[in-house]
Amino acid sequence: MGGTFQFENVAFQKIPAFPKKDEIVSTEELQEIIQSVMMESIYGHLRAFTG
């Protein structure tokens, strides 16, 4: 039984930096964003009639 390995060098890709503290949203903020988007997608068409 035998085997061979072939290694190939690929272009270096820099790993993205971790987000800074002010770039991270809390769970509550994320929930508010999701809720807002969902409400807009469901009821957004009614805005023309109510506003």
PDB file of N, CA and C in Angstrom:
ATOM      1  N   MET A   1       0.854  -1.161   0.000  1.00  0.00           N
ATOM      2  CA  MET A   1       0.000   0.000   0.000  1.00  0.00           C
ATOM      3  C   MET A   1       0.903   1.229   0.000  1.00  0.00           C
ATOM      4  N   GLY A   2       0.565   2.179  -0.805  1.00  0.00           N
ATOM      5  CA  GLY A   2       1.356   3.398  -0.881  1.00  0.00           C
ATOM      6  C   GLY A   2       0.484   4.573  -1.258  1.00  0.00           C
ATOM      7  N   GLY A   3       1.076   5.735  -1.229  1.00  0.00           N
ATOM      8  CA  GLY A   3       0.335   6.931  -1.592  1.00  0.00           C
ATOM      9  C   GLY A   3       1.279   8.092  -1.831  1.00  0.00           C
ATOM     10  N   THR A   4       0.770   9.090  -2.486  1.00  0.00           N
ATOM     11  CA  THR A   4       1.565  10.295  -2.732  1.00  0.00           C
ATOM     12  C   THR A   4       0.739  11.514  -2.337  1.00  0.00           C
ATOM     13  N   PHE A   5       1.443  12.575  -2.023  1.00  0.00           N
ATOM     14  CA  PHE A   5       0.811  13.843  -1.692  1.00  0.00           C
ATOM     15  C   PHE A   5       1.297  14.899  -2.661  1.00  0.00           C
ATOM     16  N   GLN A   6       0.421  15.781  -3.044  1.00  0.00           N
ATOM     17  CA  GLN A   6       0.810  16.907  -3.884  1.00  0.00           C
ATOM     18  C   GLN A   6       0.334  18.180  -3.201  1.00  0.00           C
ATOM     19  N   PHE A   7       1.265  19.085  -2.926  1.00  0.00           N
ATOM     20  CA  PHE A   7       0.962  20.359  -2.286  1.00  0.00           C
ATOM     21  C   PHE A   7       1.004  21.457  -3.322  1.00  0.00           C
ATOM     22  N   GLU A   8       0.053  22.364  -3.230  1.00  0.00           N
ATOM     23  CA  GLU A   8      -0.009  23.464  -4.170  1.00  0.00           C
ATOM     24  C   GLU A   8      -0.115  24.772  -3.398  1.00  0.00           C
ATOM     25  N   ASN A   9       0.741  25.710  -3.715  1.00  0.00           N
ATOM     26  CA  ASN A   9       0.679  27.025  -3.087  1.00  0.00           C
ATOM     27  C   ASN A   9      -0.413  27.844  -3.762  1.00  0.00           C
ATOM     28  N   VAL A  10      -1.225  28.481  -2.950  1.00  0.00           N
ATOM     29  CA  VAL A  10      -2.276  29.351  -3.482  1.00  0.00           C
ATOM     30  C   VAL A  10      -2.018  30.768  -3.002  1.00  0.00           C
ATOM     31  N   ALA A  11      -2.649  31.716  -3.653  1.00  0.00           N
ATOM     32  CA  ALA A  11      -2.459  33.119  -3.290  1.00  0.00           C
ATOM     33  C   ALA A  11      -2.896  33.340  -1.844  1.00  0.00           C
ATOM     34  N   PHE A  12      -2.129  34.130  -1.121  1.00  0.00           N
ATOM     35  CA  PHE A  12      -2.429  34.441   0.271  1.00  0.00           C
ATOM     36  C   PHE A  12      -3.699  35.277   0.357  1.00  0.00           C
ATOM     37  N   GLN A  13      -4.596  34.888   1.249  1.00  0.00           N
ATOM     38  CA  GLN A  13      -5.813  35.657   1.464  1.00  0.00           C
ATOM     39  C   GLN A  13      -5.834  36.114   2.916  1.00  0.00           C
ATOM     40  N   LYS A  14      -5.882  37.418   3.104  1.00  0.00           N
ATOM     41  CA  LYS A  14      -5.883  37.974   4.448  1.00  0.00           C
ATOM     42  C   LYS A  14      -7.215  37.668   5.131  1.00  0.00           C
ATOM     43  N   ILE A  15      -7.127  37.246   6.360  1.00  0.00           N
ATOM     44  CA  ILE A  15      -8.325  36.964   7.142  1.00  0.00           C
ATOM     45  C   ILE A  15      -8.935  38.297   7.567  1.00  0.00           C
ATOM     46  N   PRO A  16     -10.252  38.465   7.396  1.00  0.00           N
ATOM     47  CA  PRO A  16     -10.878  39.729   7.794  1.00  0.00           C
ATOM     48  C   PRO A  16     -10.688  39.983   9.293  1.00  0.00           C
ATOM     49  N   ALA A  17     -10.576  41.241   9.646  1.00  0.00           N
ATOM     50  CA  ALA A  17     -10.414  41.623  11.050  1.00  0.00           C
ATOM     51  C   ALA A  17     -11.699  41.339  11.814  1.00  0.00           C
ATOM     52  N   PHE A  18     -11.569  41.034  13.082  1.00  0.00           N
ATOM     53  CA  PHE A  18     -12.750  40.860  13.912  1.00  0.00           C
ATOM     54  C   PHE A  18     -13.469  42.201  14.043  1.00  0.00           C
ATOM     55  N   PRO A  19     -14.790  42.178  14.135  1.00  0.00           N
ATOM     56  CA  PRO A  19     -15.510  43.446  14.276  1.00  0.00           C
ATOM     57  C   PRO A  19     -15.167  44.128  15.590  1.00  0.00           C
ATOM     58  N   LYS A  20     -15.213  45.443  15.545  1.00  0.00           N
ATOM     59  CA  LYS A  20     -14.968  46.230  16.751  1.00  0.00           C
ATOM     60  C   LYS A  20     -16.230  46.223  17.609  1.00  0.00           C
ATOM     61  N   LYS A  21     -16.081  46.590  18.867  1.00  0.00           N
ATOM     62  CA  LYS A  21     -17.202  46.543  19.798  1.00  0.00           C
ATOM     63  C   LYS A  21     -18.389  47.366  19.299  1.00  0.00           C
ATOM     64  N   ASP A  22     -18.112  48.521  18.689  1.00  0.00           N
ATOM     65  CA  ASP A  22     -19.217  49.371  18.214  1.00  0.00           C
ATOM     66  C   ASP A  22     -19.843  48.854  16.918  1.00  0.00           C
ATOM     67  N   GLU A  23     -19.292  47.813  16.329  1.00  0.00           N
ATOM     68  CA  GLU A  23     -19.837  47.230  15.102  1.00  0.00           C
ATOM     69  C   GLU A  23     -20.677  45.978  15.383  1.00  0.00           C
ATOM     70  N   ILE A  24     -20.788  45.601  16.644  1.00  0.00           N
ATOM     71  CA  ILE A  24     -21.526  44.400  17.024  1.00  0.00           C
ATOM     72  C   ILE A  24     -22.868  44.820  17.603  1.00  0.00           C
ATOM     73  N   VAL A  25     -23.944  44.195  17.130  1.00  0.00           N
ATOM     74  CA  VAL A  25     -25.264  44.501  17.672  1.00  0.00           C
ATOM     75  C   VAL A  25     -25.611  43.475  18.742  1.00  0.00           C
ATOM     76  N   SER A  26     -26.391  43.902  19.710  1.00  0.00           N
ATOM     77  CA  SER A  26     -26.825  42.998  20.770  1.00  0.00           C
ATOM     78  C   SER A  26     -27.954  42.113  20.239  1.00  0.00           C
ATOM     79  N   THR A  27     -28.277  41.098  21.005  1.00  0.00           N
ATOM     80  CA  THR A  27     -29.386  40.215  20.633  1.00  0.00           C
ATOM     81  C   THR A  27     -30.680  41.002  20.522  1.00  0.00           C
ATOM     82  N   GLU A  28     -30.885  41.936  21.456  1.00  0.00           N
ATOM     83  CA  GLU A  28     -32.106  42.741  21.433  1.00  0.00           C
ATOM     84  C   GLU A  28     -32.158  43.624  20.188  1.00  0.00           C
ATOM     85  N   GLU A  29     -31.025  44.247  19.847  1.00  0.00           N
ATOM     86  CA  GLU A  29     -30.978  45.092  18.654  1.00  0.00           C
ATOM     87  C   GLU A  29     -31.234  44.270  17.398  1.00  0.00           C
ATOM     88  N   LEU A  30     -30.660  43.082  17.335  1.00  0.00           N
ATOM     89  CA  LEU A  30     -30.862  42.209  16.179  1.00  0.00           C
ATOM     90  C   LEU A  30     -32.330  41.812  16.067  1.00  0.00           C
ATOM     91  N   GLN A  31     -32.943  41.496  17.193  1.00  0.00           N
ATOM     92  CA  GLN A  31     -34.364  41.123  17.191  1.00  0.00           C
ATOM     93  C   GLN A  31     -35.225  42.279  16.702  1.00  0.00           C
ATOM     94  N   GLU A  32     -34.918  43.505  17.128  1.00  0.00           N
ATOM     95  CA  GLU A  32     -35.668  44.677  16.676  1.00  0.00           C
ATOM     96  C   GLU A  32     -35.516  44.881  15.168  1.00  0.00           C
ATOM     97  N   ILE A  33     -34.320  44.686  14.657  1.00  0.00           N
ATOM     98  CA  ILE A  33     -34.076  44.830  13.216  1.00  0.00           C
ATOM     99  C   ILE A  33     -34.872  43.795  12.444  1.00  0.00           C
ATOM    100  N   ILE A  34     -34.821  42.547  12.893  1.00  0.00           N
ATOM    101  CA  ILE A  34     -35.549  41.473  12.208  1.00  0.00           C
ATOM    102  C   ILE A  34     -37.047  41.745  12.247  1.00  0.00           C
ATOM    103  N   GLN A  35     -37.549  42.155  13.411  1.00  0.00           N
ATOM    104  CA  GLN A  35     -38.977  42.440  13.538  1.00  0.00           C
ATOM    105  C   GLN A  35     -39.392  43.590  12.619  1.00  0.00           C
ATOM    106  N   SER A  36     -38.575  44.624  12.561  1.00  0.00           N
ATOM    107  CA  SER A  36     -38.875  45.766  11.713  1.00  0.00           C
ATOM    108  C   SER A  36     -38.929  45.367  10.241  1.00  0.00           C
ATOM    109  N   VAL A  37     -37.972  44.570   9.812  1.00  0.00           N
ATOM    110  CA  VAL A  37     -37.938  44.120   8.416  1.00  0.00           C
ATOM    111  C   VAL A  37     -39.137  43.231   8.114  1.00  0.00           C
ATOM    112  N   MET A  38     -39.468  42.336   9.038  1.00  0.00           N
ATOM    113  CA  MET A  38     -40.614  41.453   8.821  1.00  0.00           C
ATOM    114  C   MET A  38     -41.915  42.255   8.739  1.00  0.00           C
ATOM    115  N   MET A  39     -42.087  43.217   9.649  1.00  0.00           N
ATOM    116  CA  MET A  39     -43.311  44.028   9.639  1.00  0.00           C
ATOM    117  C   MET A  39     -43.408  44.836   8.344  1.00  0.00           C
ATOM    118  N   GLU A  40     -42.288  45.383   7.902  1.00  0.00           N
ATOM    119  CA  GLU A  40     -42.278  46.158   6.655  1.00  0.00           C
ATOM    120  C   GLU A  40     -42.615  45.260   5.470  1.00  0.00           C
ATOM    121  N   SER A  41     -42.089  44.042   5.470  1.00  0.00           N
ATOM    122  CA  SER A  41     -42.354  43.151   4.339  1.00  0.00           C
ATOM    123  C   SER A  41     -43.793  42.662   4.338  1.00  0.00           C
ATOM    124  N   ILE A  42     -44.399  42.537   5.510  1.00  0.00           N
ATOM    125  CA  ILE A  42     -45.784  42.057   5.592  1.00  0.00           C
ATOM    126  C   ILE A  42     -46.783  43.193   5.412  1.00  0.00           C
ATOM    127  N   TYR A  43     -46.546  44.328   6.103  1.00  0.00           N
ATOM    128  CA  TYR A  43     -47.534  45.401   6.136  1.00  0.00           C
ATOM    129  C   TYR A  43     -47.108  46.662   5.398  1.00  0.00           C
ATOM    130  N   GLY A  44     -45.981  46.638   4.749  1.00  0.00           N
ATOM    131  CA  GLY A  44     -45.473  47.827   4.072  1.00  0.00           C
ATOM    132  C   GLY A  44     -46.412  48.369   3.010  1.00  0.00           C
ATOM    133  N   HIS A  45     -47.140  47.491   2.348  1.00  0.00           N
ATOM    134  CA  HIS A  45     -48.062  47.931   1.297  1.00  0.00           C
ATOM    135  C   HIS A  45     -49.243  48.705   1.865  1.00  0.00           C
ATOM    136  N   LEU A  46     -49.534  48.557   3.155  1.00  0.00           N
ATOM    137  CA  LEU A  46     -50.666  49.260   3.761  1.00  0.00           C
ATOM    138  C   LEU A  46     -50.338  50.722   4.058  1.00  0.00           C
ATOM    139  N   ARG A  47     -49.073  51.049   4.062  1.00  0.00           N
ATOM    140  CA  ARG A  47     -48.643  52.410   4.387  1.00  0.00           C
ATOM    141  C   ARG A  47     -49.279  53.414   3.430  1.00  0.00           C
ATOM    142  N   ALA A  48     -49.457  53.057   2.175  1.00  0.00           N
ATOM    143  CA  ALA A  48     -50.046  53.960   1.188  1.00  0.00           C
ATOM    144  C   ALA A  48     -51.502  54.293   1.533  1.00  0.00           C
ATOM    145  N   PHE A  49     -52.188  53.373   2.230  1.00  0.00           N
ATOM    146  CA  PHE A  49     -53.603  53.574   2.556  1.00  0.00           C
ATOM    147  C   PHE A  49     -53.802  54.244   3.890  1.00  0.00           C
ATOM    148  N   THR A  50     -52.801  54.182   4.791  1.00  0.00           N
ATOM    149  CA  THR A  50     -52.987  54.697   6.141  1.00  0.00           C
ATOM    150  C   THR A  50     -52.290  56.016   6.361  1.00  0.00           C
ATOM    151  N   GLY A  51     -51.412  56.402   5.472  1.00  0.00           N
ATOM    152  CA  GLY A  51     -50.620  57.517   5.830  1.00  0.00           C
ATOM    153  C   GLY A  51     -50.639  58.748   5.132  1.00  0.00           C
TER     154      GLY A  51
END
